[in-house]
PDB file of N, CA and C in Angstrom:
ATOM      1  N   MET A   1       0.882  -1.270   0.234  1.00  0.00           N
ATOM      2  CA  MET A   1       0.128   0.284  -0.032  1.00  0.00           C
ATOM      3  C   MET A   1       1.596   1.353   0.482  1.00  0.00           C
ATOM      4  N   ALA A   2       0.755   2.422  -0.833  1.00  0.00           N
ATOM      5  CA  ALA A   2       1.467   3.148  -1.149  1.00  0.00           C
ATOM      6  C   ALA A   2       1.405   4.232   0.178  1.00  0.00           C
ATOM      7  N   LYS A   3       2.138   4.962   1.086  1.00  0.00           N
ATOM      8  CA  LYS A   3       2.004   5.897   2.026  1.00  0.00           C
ATOM      9  C   LYS A   3       1.925   7.473   0.698  1.00  0.00           C
ATOM     10  N   VAL A   4       1.104   8.266   1.861  1.00  0.00           N
ATOM     11  CA  VAL A   4       0.909   9.442   0.517  1.00  0.00           C
ATOM     12  C   VAL A   4       0.824  10.794   1.710  1.00  0.00           C
ATOM     13  N   SER A   5       1.740  11.473   1.719  1.00  0.00           N
ATOM     14  CA  SER A   5       2.595  12.534   2.551  1.00  0.00           C
ATOM     15  C   SER A   5       1.285  13.847   2.292  1.00  0.00           C
ATOM     16  N   ARG A   6       0.983  14.417   2.860  1.00  0.00           N
ATOM     17  CA  ARG A   6      -0.068  15.628   3.505  1.00  0.00           C
ATOM     18  C   ARG A   6       0.804  17.183   4.025  1.00  0.00           C
ATOM     19  N   VAL A   7       0.569  18.227   3.341  1.00  0.00           N
ATOM     20  CA  VAL A   7       1.757  19.366   3.563  1.00  0.00           C
ATOM     21  C   VAL A   7       0.991  20.392   4.062  1.00  0.00           C
ATOM     22  N   ILE A   8       0.518  21.065   4.953  1.00  0.00           N
ATOM     23  CA  ILE A   8       0.220  22.566   5.139  1.00  0.00           C
ATOM     24  C   ILE A   8       0.978  23.673   3.964  1.00  0.00           C
ATOM     25  N   CYS A   9       0.350  24.652   3.226  1.00  0.00           N
ATOM     26  CA  CYS A   9       0.912  24.821   2.511  1.00  0.00           C
ATOM     27  C   CYS A   9       1.155  26.727   4.234  1.00  0.00           C
ATOM     28  N   ASP A  10       2.375  27.173   3.615  1.00  0.00           N
ATOM     29  CA  ASP A  10       2.598  28.090   4.665  1.00  0.00           C
ATOM     30  C   ASP A  10       2.039  28.718   4.685  1.00  0.00           C
ATOM     31  N   MET A  11       2.407  29.046   2.800  1.00  0.00           N
ATOM     32  CA  MET A  11       1.126  30.987   2.583  1.00  0.00           C
ATOM     33  C   MET A  11      -0.813  30.699   1.921  1.00  0.00           C
ATOM     34  N   THR A  12      -0.882  29.863   2.280  1.00  0.00           N
ATOM     35  CA  THR A  12      -2.274  29.623   1.874  1.00  0.00           C
ATOM     36  C   THR A  12      -2.857  29.169   3.275  1.00  0.00           C
ATOM     37  N   GLY A  13      -2.269  28.287   3.931  1.00  0.00           N
ATOM     38  CA  GLY A  13      -2.940  27.357   4.564  1.00  0.00           C
ATOM     39  C   GLY A  13      -3.784  26.108   4.721  1.00  0.00           C
ATOM     40  N   THR A  14      -3.156  25.936   2.930  1.00  0.00           N
ATOM     41  CA  THR A  14      -4.107  25.094   2.765  1.00  0.00           C
ATOM     42  C   THR A  14      -3.869  23.344   2.604  1.00  0.00           C
ATOM     43  N   GLU A  15      -3.735  22.229   2.634  1.00  0.00           N
ATOM     44  CA  GLU A  15      -3.703  20.739   2.381  1.00  0.00           C
ATOM     45  C   GLU A  15      -2.846  20.592   1.141  1.00  0.00           C
ATOM     46  N   PHE A  16      -1.556  19.939   0.399  1.00  0.00           N
ATOM     47  CA  PHE A  16      -1.539  19.935  -0.119  1.00  0.00           C
ATOM     48  C   PHE A  16      -1.058  18.415  -0.537  1.00  0.00           C
ATOM     49  N   THR A  17      -0.427  17.329  -1.588  1.00  0.00           N
ATOM     50  CA  THR A  17      -0.118  16.754  -1.764  1.00  0.00           C
ATOM     51  C   THR A  17       1.455  16.935  -2.357  1.00  0.00           C
ATOM     52  N   PRO A  18       2.737  16.751  -2.028  1.00  0.00           N
ATOM     53  CA  PRO A  18       4.370  17.381  -2.282  1.00  0.00           C
ATOM     54  C   PRO A  18       4.283  16.292  -3.607  1.00  0.00           C
ATOM     55  N   GLY A  19       4.224  17.302  -5.324  1.00  0.00           N
ATOM     56  CA  GLY A  19       4.730  16.388  -6.354  1.00  0.00           C
ATOM     57  C   GLY A  19       3.772  16.089  -7.147  1.00  0.00           C
ATOM     58  N   THR A  20       2.356  16.388  -6.795  1.00  0.00           N
ATOM     59  CA  THR A  20       1.150  15.757  -7.135  1.00  0.00           C
ATOM     60  C   THR A  20       1.132  17.440  -6.678  1.00  0.00           C
ATOM     61  N   ASP A  21      -0.010  17.991  -5.979  1.00  0.00           N
ATOM     62  CA  ASP A  21       0.031  19.247  -6.702  1.00  0.00           C
ATOM     63  C   ASP A  21       0.715  20.769  -5.682  1.00  0.00           C
ATOM     64  N   GLY A  22       1.461  20.101  -6.354  1.00  0.00           N
ATOM     65  CA  GLY A  22       2.027  21.399  -5.102  1.00  0.00           C
ATOM     66  C   GLY A  22       3.429  21.227  -5.385  1.00  0.00           C
ATOM     67  N   HIS A  23       4.460  21.952  -4.361  1.00  0.00           N
ATOM     68  CA  HIS A  23       5.972  22.732  -3.972  1.00  0.00           C
ATOM     69  C   HIS A  23       6.390  22.207  -2.860  1.00  0.00           C
ATOM     70  N   GLU A  24       7.382  21.608  -2.719  1.00  0.00           N
ATOM     71  CA  GLU A  24       7.569  21.729  -1.579  1.00  0.00           C
ATOM     72  C   GLU A  24       8.936  21.970  -0.654  1.00  0.00           C
ATOM     73  N   ASP A  25       9.297  22.548  -0.150  1.00  0.00           N
ATOM     74  CA  ASP A  25      10.815  23.205   0.848  1.00  0.00           C
ATOM     75  C   ASP A  25      10.723  23.696  -0.127  1.00  0.00           C
ATOM     76  N   VAL A  26      10.559  24.509  -0.213  1.00  0.00           N
ATOM     77  CA  VAL A  26      10.947  25.787  -1.508  1.00  0.00           C
ATOM     78  C   VAL A  26      11.713  26.552  -0.517  1.00  0.00           C
ATOM     79  N   SER A  27      13.214  26.748  -0.878  1.00  0.00           N
ATOM     80  CA  SER A  27      14.177  27.285   0.250  1.00  0.00           C
ATOM     81  C   SER A  27      15.049  29.029  -1.061  1.00  0.00           C
ATOM     82  N   PHE A  28      15.168  29.824   0.025  1.00  0.00           N
ATOM     83  CA  PHE A  28      15.793  31.125  -0.487  1.00  0.00           C
ATOM     84  C   PHE A  28      16.788  31.272   0.831  1.00  0.00           C
ATOM     85  N   VAL A  29      17.958  32.517   0.380  1.00  0.00           N
ATOM     86  CA  VAL A  29      18.603  33.453   1.303  1.00  0.00           C
ATOM     87  C   VAL A  29      18.406  34.629   1.391  1.00  0.00           C
ATOM     88  N   TRP A  30      17.913  34.991   2.509  1.00  0.00           N
ATOM     89  CA  TRP A  30      17.857  36.729   3.143  1.00  0.00           C
ATOM     90  C   TRP A  30      18.802  37.324   4.135  1.00  0.00           C
ATOM     91  N   ASP A  31      19.312  38.121   3.807  1.00  0.00           N
ATOM     92  CA  ASP A  31      20.769  38.970   4.522  1.00  0.00           C
ATOM     93  C   ASP A  31      21.976  37.255   4.992  1.00  0.00           C
ATOM     94  N   GLY A  32      21.859  36.607   4.122  1.00  0.00           N
ATOM     95  CA  GLY A  32      22.489  35.843   4.382  1.00  0.00           C
ATOM     96  C   GLY A  32      22.273  34.635   5.782  1.00  0.00           C
ATOM     97  N   THR A  33      21.016  34.847   5.542  1.00  0.00           N
ATOM     98  CA  THR A  33      19.887  32.952   6.746  1.00  0.00           C
ATOM     99  C   THR A  33      19.301  32.829   5.766  1.00  0.00           C
ATOM    100  N   LYS A  34      19.667  31.041   5.597  1.00  0.00           N
ATOM    101  CA  LYS A  34      19.016  30.200   4.218  1.00  0.00           C
ATOM    102  C   LYS A  34      17.275  30.218   5.205  1.00  0.00           C
ATOM    103  N   TYR A  35      16.452  30.230   4.356  1.00  0.00           N
ATOM    104  CA  TYR A  35      15.202  29.627   5.340  1.00  0.00           C
ATOM    105  C   TYR A  35      14.553  29.016   4.377  1.00  0.00           C
ATOM    106  N   GLU A  36      13.017  27.890   4.041  1.00  0.00           N
ATOM    107  CA  GLU A  36      12.674  26.893   3.188  1.00  0.00           C
ATOM    108  C   GLU A  36      10.883  27.121   3.886  1.00  0.00           C
ATOM    109  N   ILE A  37      10.391  27.487   2.588  1.00  0.00           N
ATOM    110  CA  ILE A  37       8.627  27.339   2.769  1.00  0.00           C
ATOM    111  C   ILE A  37       8.228  26.152   2.800  1.00  0.00           C
ATOM    112  N   ASP A  38       6.875  25.452   2.803  1.00  0.00           N
ATOM    113  CA  ASP A  38       6.585  23.842   2.094  1.00  0.00           C
ATOM    114  C   ASP A  38       5.054  24.895   1.365  1.00  0.00           C
ATOM    115  N   LEU A  39       5.128  24.918  -0.410  1.00  0.00           N
ATOM    116  CA  LEU A  39       4.509  25.701  -0.678  1.00  0.00           C
ATOM    117  C   LEU A  39       3.567  24.989  -1.703  1.00  0.00           C
ATOM    118  N   SER A  40       2.129  25.046  -1.682  1.00  0.00           N
ATOM    119  CA  SER A  40       1.897  25.120  -2.776  1.00  0.00           C
ATOM    120  C   SER A  40       1.119  25.378  -4.247  1.00  0.00           C
ATOM    121  N   ASP A  41       1.164  25.148  -5.273  1.00  0.00           N
ATOM    122  CA  ASP A  41       1.599  25.923  -6.462  1.00  0.00           C
ATOM    123  C   ASP A  41       0.610  27.389  -5.878  1.00  0.00           C
ATOM    124  N   ALA A  42      -0.914  27.460  -5.347  1.00  0.00           N
ATOM    125  CA  ALA A  42      -0.817  28.510  -4.762  1.00  0.00           C
ATOM    126  C   ALA A  42      -0.255  29.570  -3.912  1.00  0.00           C
ATOM    127  N   GLY A  43       0.753  28.638  -3.153  1.00  0.00           N
ATOM    128  CA  GLY A  43       1.518  29.780  -1.988  1.00  0.00           C
ATOM    129  C   GLY A  43       1.854  30.106  -3.473  1.00  0.00           C
ATOM    130  N   MET A  44       2.786  29.903  -4.623  1.00  0.00           N
ATOM    131  CA  MET A  44       4.199  29.790  -5.309  1.00  0.00           C
ATOM    132  C   MET A  44       3.257  30.997  -6.054  1.00  0.00           C
ATOM    133  N   GLU A  45       2.361  30.931  -6.576  1.00  0.00           N
ATOM    134  CA  GLU A  45       2.086  31.974  -6.801  1.00  0.00           C
ATOM    135  C   GLU A  45       2.226  33.793  -6.027  1.00  0.00           C
ATOM    136  N   LYS A  46       1.551  33.215  -5.409  1.00  0.00           N
ATOM    137  CA  LYS A  46       1.628  34.304  -3.733  1.00  0.00           C
ATOM    138  C   LYS A  46       3.017  34.871  -3.906  1.00  0.00           C
ATOM    139  N   LEU A  47       4.069  33.361  -3.782  1.00  0.00           N
ATOM    140  CA  LEU A  47       5.443  33.898  -2.866  1.00  0.00           C
ATOM    141  C   LEU A  47       6.531  34.898  -4.488  1.00  0.00           C
ATOM    142  N   ALA A  48       5.846  34.272  -6.337  1.00  0.00           N
ATOM    143  CA  ALA A  48       6.261  34.681  -6.867  1.00  0.00           C
ATOM    144  C   ALA A  48       5.379  35.831  -6.665  1.00  0.00           C
ATOM    145  N   LYS A  49       4.877  36.295  -7.594  1.00  0.00           N
ATOM    146  CA  LYS A  49       4.246  37.848  -7.119  1.00  0.00           C
ATOM    147  C   LYS A  49       4.998  38.753  -6.222  1.00  0.00           C
ATOM    148  N   VAL A  50       5.452  38.417  -4.514  1.00  0.00           N
ATOM    149  CA  VAL A  50       5.915  39.284  -3.523  1.00  0.00           C
ATOM    150  C   VAL A  50       7.230  39.520  -4.435  1.00  0.00           C
ATOM    151  N   PHE A  51       7.481  37.679  -4.374  1.00  0.00           N
ATOM    152  CA  PHE A  51       9.853  37.735  -5.199  1.00  0.00           C
ATOM    153  C   PHE A  51       9.449  38.679  -6.233  1.00  0.00           C
ATOM    154  N   GLY A  52       8.387  38.346  -7.829  1.00  0.00           N
ATOM    155  CA  GLY A  52       8.276  39.154  -8.461  1.00  0.00           C
ATOM    156  C   GLY A  52       9.353  40.399  -9.076  1.00  0.00           C
ATOM    157  N   PRO A  53       8.058  41.420  -8.505  1.00  0.00           N
ATOM    158  CA  PRO A  53       9.809  42.735  -8.800  1.00  0.00           C
ATOM    159  C   PRO A  53      11.047  42.860  -8.228  1.00  0.00           C
ATOM    160  N   VAL A  54      10.726  42.312  -6.972  1.00  0.00           N
ATOM    161  CA  VAL A  54      12.956  41.692  -6.346  1.00  0.00           C
ATOM    162  C   VAL A  54      13.353  41.318  -7.474  1.00  0.00           C
ATOM    163  N   ILE A  55      13.164  39.957  -7.994  1.00  0.00           N
ATOM    164  CA  ILE A  55      13.792  39.356  -8.719  1.00  0.00           C
ATOM    165  C   ILE A  55      13.767  39.956 -10.214  1.00  0.00           C
ATOM    166  N   SER A  56      13.484  40.012 -10.284  1.00  0.00           N
ATOM    167  CA  SER A  56      13.205  40.922 -12.033  1.00  0.00           C
ATOM    168  C   SER A  56      14.532  41.985 -11.757  1.00  0.00           C
ATOM    169  N   LYS A  57      15.036  43.284 -10.875  1.00  0.00           N
ATOM    170  CA  LYS A  57      16.407  43.375 -10.648  1.00  0.00           C
ATOM    171  C   LYS A  57      17.074  43.492 -10.031  1.00  0.00           C
ATOM    172  N   ALA A  58      17.758  41.636  -9.547  1.00  0.00           N
ATOM    173  CA  ALA A  58      18.379  41.120  -9.175  1.00  0.00           C
ATOM    174  C   ALA A  58      19.411  40.873 -10.151  1.00  0.00           C
ATOM    175  N   ARG A  59      20.807  39.737  -9.875  1.00  0.00           N
ATOM    176  CA  ARG A  59      21.846  39.861 -10.577  1.00  0.00           C
ATOM    177  C   ARG A  59      20.737  37.772 -10.085  1.00  0.00           C
ATOM    178  N   LYS A  60      22.085  36.943 -10.678  1.00  0.00           N
ATOM    179  CA  LYS A  60      21.669  36.042 -10.779  1.00  0.00           C
ATOM    180  C   LYS A  60      23.418  35.444 -10.174  1.00  0.00           C
ATOM    181  N   ALA A  61      23.476  34.364  -8.700  1.00  0.00           N
ATOM    182  CA  ALA A  61      24.853  34.527  -8.810  1.00  0.00           C
ATOM    183  C   ALA A  61      24.909  32.556  -9.193  1.00  0.00           C
ATOM    184  N   PRO A  62      25.625  32.357  -9.193  1.00  0.00           N
ATOM    185  CA  PRO A  62      26.516  31.059  -9.437  1.00  0.00           C
ATOM    186  C   PRO A  62      25.541  30.236  -8.557  1.00  0.00           C
ATOM    187  N   LEU A  63      24.871  28.642  -8.960  1.00  0.00           N
ATOM    188  CA  LEU A  63      24.892  28.269  -7.693  1.00  0.00           C
ATOM    189  C   LEU A  63      26.064  26.523  -7.588  1.00  0.00           C
ATOM    190  N   THR A  64      25.829  26.392  -6.371  1.00  0.00           N
ATOM    191  CA  THR A  64      27.256  25.376  -5.617  1.00  0.00           C
ATOM    192  C   THR A  64      26.254  23.971  -6.853  1.00  0.00           C
ATOM    193  N   GLN A  65      26.630  23.058  -6.520  1.00  0.00           N
ATOM    194  CA  GLN A  65      26.579  21.679  -6.886  1.00  0.00           C
ATOM    195  C   GLN A  65      26.144  21.293  -6.062  1.00  0.00           C
ATOM    196  N   ALA A  66      25.420  21.381  -4.648  1.00  0.00           N
ATOM    197  CA  ALA A  66      24.272  21.380  -4.110  1.00  0.00           C
ATOM    198  C   ALA A  66      23.060  21.636  -4.140  1.00  0.00           C
ATOM    199  N   GLU A  67      23.350  23.391  -4.594  1.00  0.00           N
ATOM    200  CA  GLU A  67      21.941  23.835  -5.389  1.00  0.00           C
ATOM    201  C   GLU A  67      21.403  23.911  -5.828  1.00  0.00           C
ATOM    202  N   HIS A  68      23.077  23.296  -6.927  1.00  0.00           N
ATOM    203  CA  HIS A  68      21.936  23.455  -8.738  1.00  0.00           C
ATOM    204  C   HIS A  68      21.459  22.163  -8.407  1.00  0.00           C
ATOM    205  N   MET A  69      21.001  21.054  -8.441  1.00  0.00           N
ATOM    206  CA  MET A  69      20.628  19.747  -7.995  1.00  0.00           C
ATOM    207  C   MET A  69      19.640  20.052  -7.268  1.00  0.00           C
ATOM    208  N   GLN A  70      19.402  20.433  -6.135  1.00  0.00           N
ATOM    209  CA  GLN A  70      18.000  20.851  -5.565  1.00  0.00           C
ATOM    210  C   GLN A  70      16.539  21.316  -6.484  1.00  0.00           C
ATOM    211  N   ALA A  71      17.847  22.510  -6.883  1.00  0.00           N
ATOM    212  CA  ALA A  71      17.086  23.296  -7.954  1.00  0.00           C
ATOM    213  C   ALA A  71      16.741  22.660  -8.840  1.00  0.00           C
ATOM    214  N   VAL A  72      17.155  21.565  -9.583  1.00  0.00           N
ATOM    215  CA  VAL A  72      17.081  21.050 -11.170  1.00  0.00           C
ATOM    216  C   VAL A  72      16.275  19.399 -10.300  1.00  0.00           C
ATOM    217  N   LYS A  73      15.904  19.148  -9.265  1.00  0.00           N
ATOM    218  CA  LYS A  73      14.791  17.979  -8.548  1.00  0.00           C
ATOM    219  C   LYS A  73      13.944  19.081  -8.240  1.00  0.00           C
ATOM    220  N   ALA A  74      13.333  19.918  -7.607  1.00  0.00           N
ATOM    221  CA  ALA A  74      12.262  21.118  -7.731  1.00  0.00           C
ATOM    222  C   ALA A  74      12.207  20.985  -9.100  1.00  0.00           C
ATOM    223  N   TRP A  75      13.051  21.639  -9.899  1.00  0.00           N
ATOM    224  CA  TRP A  75      11.863  21.916 -11.024  1.00  0.00           C
ATOM    225  C   TRP A  75      11.752  20.975 -12.766  1.00  0.00           C
ATOM    226  N   ASN A  76      12.062  19.563 -11.442  1.00  0.00           N
ATOM    227  CA  ASN A  76      12.287  18.548 -12.470  1.00  0.00           C
ATOM    228  C   ASN A  76       9.696  17.496 -11.972  1.00  0.00           C
ATOM    229  N   ALA A  77      10.505  18.500 -10.456  1.00  0.00           N
ATOM    230  CA  ALA A  77       9.054  17.362 -10.121  1.00  0.00           C
ATOM    231  C   ALA A  77       7.717  18.987 -10.122  1.00  0.00           C
ATOM    232  N   ARG A  78       7.628  19.950 -10.556  1.00  0.00           N
ATOM    233  CA  ARG A  78       7.116  21.210 -10.832  1.00  0.00           C
ATOM    234  C   ARG A  78       6.882  20.378 -12.610  1.00  0.00           C
ATOM    235  N   VAL A  79       7.598  20.150 -13.236  1.00  0.00           N
ATOM    236  CA  VAL A  79       7.908  19.840 -15.158  1.00  0.00           C
ATOM    237  C   VAL A  79       6.351  18.763 -14.941  1.00  0.00           C
ATOM    238  N   LYS A  80       6.769  17.828 -13.897  1.00  0.00           N
ATOM    239  CA  LYS A  80       6.132  16.285 -14.020  1.00  0.00           C
ATOM    240  C   LYS A  80       5.133  16.541 -13.075  1.00  0.00           C
ATOM    241  N   VAL A  81       4.127  17.473 -12.353  1.00  0.00           N
ATOM    242  CA  VAL A  81       2.755  17.663 -11.913  1.00  0.00           C
ATOM    243  C   VAL A  81       2.071  18.375 -12.903  1.00  0.00           C
ATOM    244  N   TRP A  82       3.052  19.236 -13.892  1.00  0.00           N
ATOM    245  CA  TRP A  82       2.581  20.259 -15.205  1.00  0.00           C
ATOM    246  C   TRP A  82       2.190  19.450 -16.066  1.00  0.00           C
ATOM    247  N   ALA A  83       3.053  18.645 -15.858  1.00  0.00           N
ATOM    248  CA  ALA A  83       3.079  17.828 -17.687  1.00  0.00           C
ATOM    249  C   ALA A  83       1.612  17.053 -16.541  1.00  0.00           C
ATOM    250  N   ASN A  84       1.183  16.118 -16.193  1.00  0.00           N
ATOM    251  CA  ASN A  84       0.113  14.869 -15.889  1.00  0.00           C
ATOM    252  C   ASN A  84      -1.066  16.074 -15.653  1.00  0.00           C
ATOM    253  N   LYS A  85      -0.868  17.104 -14.974  1.00  0.00           N
ATOM    254  CA  LYS A  85      -2.044  17.864 -15.157  1.00  0.00           C
ATOM    255  C   LYS A  85      -2.700  18.712 -16.839  1.00  0.00           C
ATOM    256  N   ASN A  86      -1.592  18.433 -17.641  1.00  0.00           N
ATOM    257  CA  ASN A  86      -1.875  19.372 -19.404  1.00  0.00           C
ATOM    258  C   ASN A  86      -2.546  18.185 -20.507  1.00  0.00           C
ATOM    259  N   GLY A  87      -2.656  17.407 -19.802  1.00  0.00           N
ATOM    260  CA  GLY A  87      -2.550  16.061 -21.170  1.00  0.00           C
ATOM    261  C   GLY A  87      -1.192  15.190 -21.603  1.00  0.00           C
ATOM    262  N   HIS A  88      -0.167  15.617 -20.913  1.00  0.00           N
ATOM    263  CA  HIS A  88       1.459  14.669 -20.904  1.00  0.00           C
ATOM    264  C   HIS A  88       1.801  13.753 -20.259  1.00  0.00           C
ATOM    265  N   GLY A  89       1.069  12.961 -19.317  1.00  0.00           N
ATOM    266  CA  GLY A  89       1.629  11.981 -18.255  1.00  0.00           C
ATOM    267  C   GLY A  89       2.292  11.108 -19.709  1.00  0.00           C
ATOM    268  N   SER A  90       1.671  10.945 -20.338  1.00  0.00           N
ATOM    269  CA  SER A  90       2.499   9.567 -21.444  1.00  0.00           C
ATOM    270  C   SER A  90       3.613   9.659 -20.995  1.00  0.00           C
ATOM    271  N   LYS A  91       4.121  10.868 -21.308  1.00  0.00           N
ATOM    272  CA  LYS A  91       5.907  11.793 -21.329  1.00  0.00           C
ATOM    273  C   LYS A  91       6.643  12.046 -20.085  1.00  0.00           C
ATOM    274  N   VAL A  92       5.768  11.912 -19.169  1.00  0.00           N
ATOM    275  CA  VAL A  92       6.514  12.075 -17.610  1.00  0.00           C
ATOM    276  C   VAL A  92       7.435  10.347 -17.120  1.00  0.00           C
ATOM    277  N   PRO A  93       8.563  10.304 -17.340  1.00  0.00           N
ATOM    278  CA  PRO A  93       8.927   8.900 -16.503  1.00  0.00           C
ATOM    279  C   PRO A  93       9.347   8.620 -15.145  1.00  0.00           C
ATOM    280  N   GLU A  94       8.766   7.906 -14.665  1.00  0.00           N
ATOM    281  CA  GLU A  94       9.253   7.560 -12.920  1.00  0.00           C
ATOM    282  C   GLU A  94       9.942   7.805 -12.717  1.00  0.00           C
ATOM    283  N   LYS A  95      11.460   7.545 -13.233  1.00  0.00           N
ATOM    284  CA  LYS A  95      12.475   8.270 -12.572  1.00  0.00           C
ATOM    285  C   LYS A  95      13.140   8.739 -13.517  1.00  0.00           C
ATOM    286  N   GLY A  96      14.214   9.269 -13.289  1.00  0.00           N
ATOM    287  CA  GLY A  96      15.211   9.561 -14.575  1.00  0.00           C
ATOM    288  C   GLY A  96      15.013  10.600 -15.029  1.00  0.00           C
ATOM    289  N   ARG A  97      15.875  11.383 -16.204  1.00  0.00           N
ATOM    290  CA  ARG A  97      15.650  12.611 -16.709  1.00  0.00           C
ATOM    291  C   ARG A  97      14.644  13.224 -17.409  1.00  0.00           C
ATOM    292  N   ILE A  98      13.868  13.954 -17.085  1.00  0.00           N
ATOM    293  CA  ILE A  98      13.485  14.666 -18.091  1.00  0.00           C
ATOM    294  C   ILE A  98      13.586  15.103 -19.670  1.00  0.00           C
ATOM    295  N   GLY A  99      12.971  13.879 -20.553  1.00  0.00           N
ATOM    296  CA  GLY A  99      13.077  13.894 -21.666  1.00  0.00           C
ATOM    297  C   GLY A  99      13.305  15.424 -22.041  1.00  0.00           C
ATOM    298  N   GLU A 100      13.895  15.690 -23.866  1.00  0.00           N
ATOM    299  CA  GLU A 100      14.360  16.531 -23.975  1.00  0.00           C
ATOM    300  C   GLU A 100      13.162  17.253 -24.700  1.00  0.00           C
ATOM    301  N   GLU A 101      11.938  15.968 -24.978  1.00  0.00           N
ATOM    302  CA  GLU A 101      11.048  16.837 -25.917  1.00  0.00           C
ATOM    303  C   GLU A 101       9.271  17.276 -24.807  1.00  0.00           C
ATOM    304  N   LEU A 102       9.808  16.547 -23.836  1.00  0.00           N
ATOM    305  CA  LEU A 102       8.970  17.424 -22.746  1.00  0.00           C
ATOM    306  C   LEU A 102       9.637  18.569 -22.289  1.00  0.00           C
ATOM    307  N   THR A 103      10.409  18.638 -22.099  1.00  0.00           N
ATOM    308  CA  THR A 103      11.102  19.957 -21.610  1.00  0.00           C
ATOM    309  C   THR A 103      10.795  20.654 -22.363  1.00  0.00           C
ATOM    310  N   LYS A 104      11.005  21.222 -23.715  1.00  0.00           N
ATOM    311  CA  LYS A 104      10.764  21.174 -24.733  1.00  0.00           C
ATOM    312  C   LYS A 104       9.315  21.744 -24.606  1.00  0.00           C
ATOM    313  N   ILE A 105       8.226  21.262 -24.304  1.00  0.00           N
ATOM    314  CA  ILE A 105       7.184  21.699 -24.722  1.00  0.00           C
ATOM    315  C   ILE A 105       6.776  22.112 -23.073  1.00  0.00           C
ATOM    316  N   TYR A 106       7.444  21.418 -22.198  1.00  0.00           N
ATOM    317  CA  TYR A 106       7.351  22.831 -20.073  1.00  0.00           C
ATOM    318  C   TYR A 106       7.613  23.773 -21.287  1.00  0.00           C
ATOM    319  N   GLU A 107       8.505  24.564 -21.477  1.00  0.00           N
ATOM    320  CA  GLU A 107       9.505  25.483 -21.261  1.00  0.00           C
ATOM    321  C   GLU A 107       8.548  26.311 -21.948  1.00  0.00           C
ATOM    322  N   GLN A 108       8.280  25.693 -23.206  1.00  0.00           N
ATOM    323  CA  GLN A 108       7.609  27.098 -24.542  1.00  0.00           C
ATOM    324  C   GLN A 108       6.089  27.390 -23.047  1.00  0.00           C
ATOM    325  N   ALA A 109       5.861  26.884 -22.685  1.00  0.00           N
ATOM    326  CA  ALA A 109       4.258  26.804 -22.330  1.00  0.00           C
ATOM    327  C   ALA A 109       4.944  27.878 -20.714  1.00  0.00           C
ATOM    328  N   ASN A 110       5.354  27.795 -19.900  1.00  0.00           N
ATOM    329  CA  ASN A 110       6.547  28.450 -19.106  1.00  0.00           C
ATOM    330  C   ASN A 110       7.350  28.377 -19.200  1.00  0.00           C
ATOM    331  N   THR A 111       7.416  30.251 -20.388  1.00  0.00           N
ATOM    332  CA  THR A 111       8.577  29.999 -20.453  1.00  0.00           C
ATOM    333  C   THR A 111       8.918  30.896 -19.118  1.00  0.00           C
ATOM    334  N   GLU A 112       8.882  31.150 -17.746  1.00  0.00           N
ATOM    335  CA  GLU A 112       8.231  32.124 -16.828  1.00  0.00           C
ATOM    336  C   GLU A 112       9.479  31.106 -15.729  1.00  0.00           C
ATOM    337  N   ASP A 113       9.877  29.482 -15.926  1.00  0.00           N
ATOM    338  CA  ASP A 113      10.445  28.966 -15.710  1.00  0.00           C
ATOM    339  C   ASP A 113      11.419  28.012 -16.037  1.00  0.00           C
ATOM    340  N   PRO A 114      12.576  28.533 -16.905  1.00  0.00           N
ATOM    341  CA  PRO A 114      13.322  27.246 -17.407  1.00  0.00           C
ATOM    342  C   PRO A 114      14.141  26.409 -16.275  1.00  0.00           C
ATOM    343  N   LYS A 115      15.132  25.419 -16.894  1.00  0.00           N
ATOM    344  CA  LYS A 115      15.556  24.766 -16.404  1.00  0.00           C
ATOM    345  C   LYS A 115      16.494  25.533 -16.209  1.00  0.00           C
ATOM    346  N   PRO A 116      17.221  25.115 -14.595  1.00  0.00           N
ATOM    347  CA  PRO A 116      18.207  25.626 -14.243  1.00  0.00           C
ATOM    348  C   PRO A 116      19.218  25.015 -14.561  1.00  0.00           C
ATOM    349  N   VAL A 117      20.033  26.590 -14.384  1.00  0.00           N
ATOM    350  CA  VAL A 117      21.588  26.202 -15.279  1.00  0.00           C
ATOM    351  C   VAL A 117      22.473  26.706 -13.451  1.00  0.00           C
ATOM    352  N   ARG A 118      23.582  26.038 -13.730  1.00  0.00           N
ATOM    353  CA  ARG A 118      24.233  26.375 -12.473  1.00  0.00           C
ATOM    354  C   ARG A 118      24.827  28.038 -12.471  1.00  0.00           C
ATOM    355  N   ASP A 119      25.245  27.724 -13.378  1.00  0.00           N
ATOM    356  CA  ASP A 119      25.202  29.934 -13.177  1.00  0.00           C
ATOM    357  C   ASP A 119      25.096  30.486 -14.352  1.00  0.00           C
ATOM    358  N   ALA A 120      25.554  31.700 -14.838  1.00  0.00           N
ATOM    359  CA  ALA A 120      24.689  32.431 -16.006  1.00  0.00           C
ATOM    360  C   ALA A 120      25.297  32.287 -17.675  1.00  0.00           C
ATOM    361  N   ASP A 121      26.834  31.098 -16.784  1.00  0.00           N
ATOM    362  CA  ASP A 121      27.067  31.181 -19.006  1.00  0.00           C
ATOM    363  C   ASP A 121      27.428  29.674 -19.001  1.00  0.00           C
ATOM    364  N   ASP A 122      26.113  29.188 -18.082  1.00  0.00           N
ATOM    365  CA  ASP A 122      25.944  27.372 -18.597  1.00  0.00           C
ATOM    366  C   ASP A 122      24.871  27.242 -19.715  1.00  0.00           C
ATOM    367  N   GLU A 123      25.415  26.973 -20.713  1.00  0.00           N
ATOM    368  CA  GLU A 123      24.376  26.062 -21.618  1.00  0.00           C
ATOM    369  C   GLU A 123      24.144  24.463 -21.106  1.00  0.00           C
ATOM    370  N   GLU A 124      24.056  24.183 -20.897  1.00  0.00           N
ATOM    371  CA  GLU A 124      23.455  23.115 -21.117  1.00  0.00           C
ATOM    372  C   GLU A 124      22.612  21.896 -21.436  1.00  0.00           C
TER     373      GLU A 124
END
């Protein structure tokens, strides 16, 4: 029997299942302190509205290898959730890399969420 974890979104107070209808453990650094917050899709939208104006003015800093891997893992989870909700579930691998075709479809539909790169000069 499969075990399903449910999490409460810190922004909306709603319950969600990580990996199927929401994000989990979104992390950010502010003034030298790293923070994590559990967010559903709706909570992520609220956070994006708050951070959006700031991020549009900010410079990108290079990620450490661990941060890059964490960012890719979170991006892969978002792609899988989106693909299953938008009729592309047959292209979603259970494990491993997201295929090039699904990556292109996702990035065309979600231009604000490109696949993470290690730093601004990377051309993965």
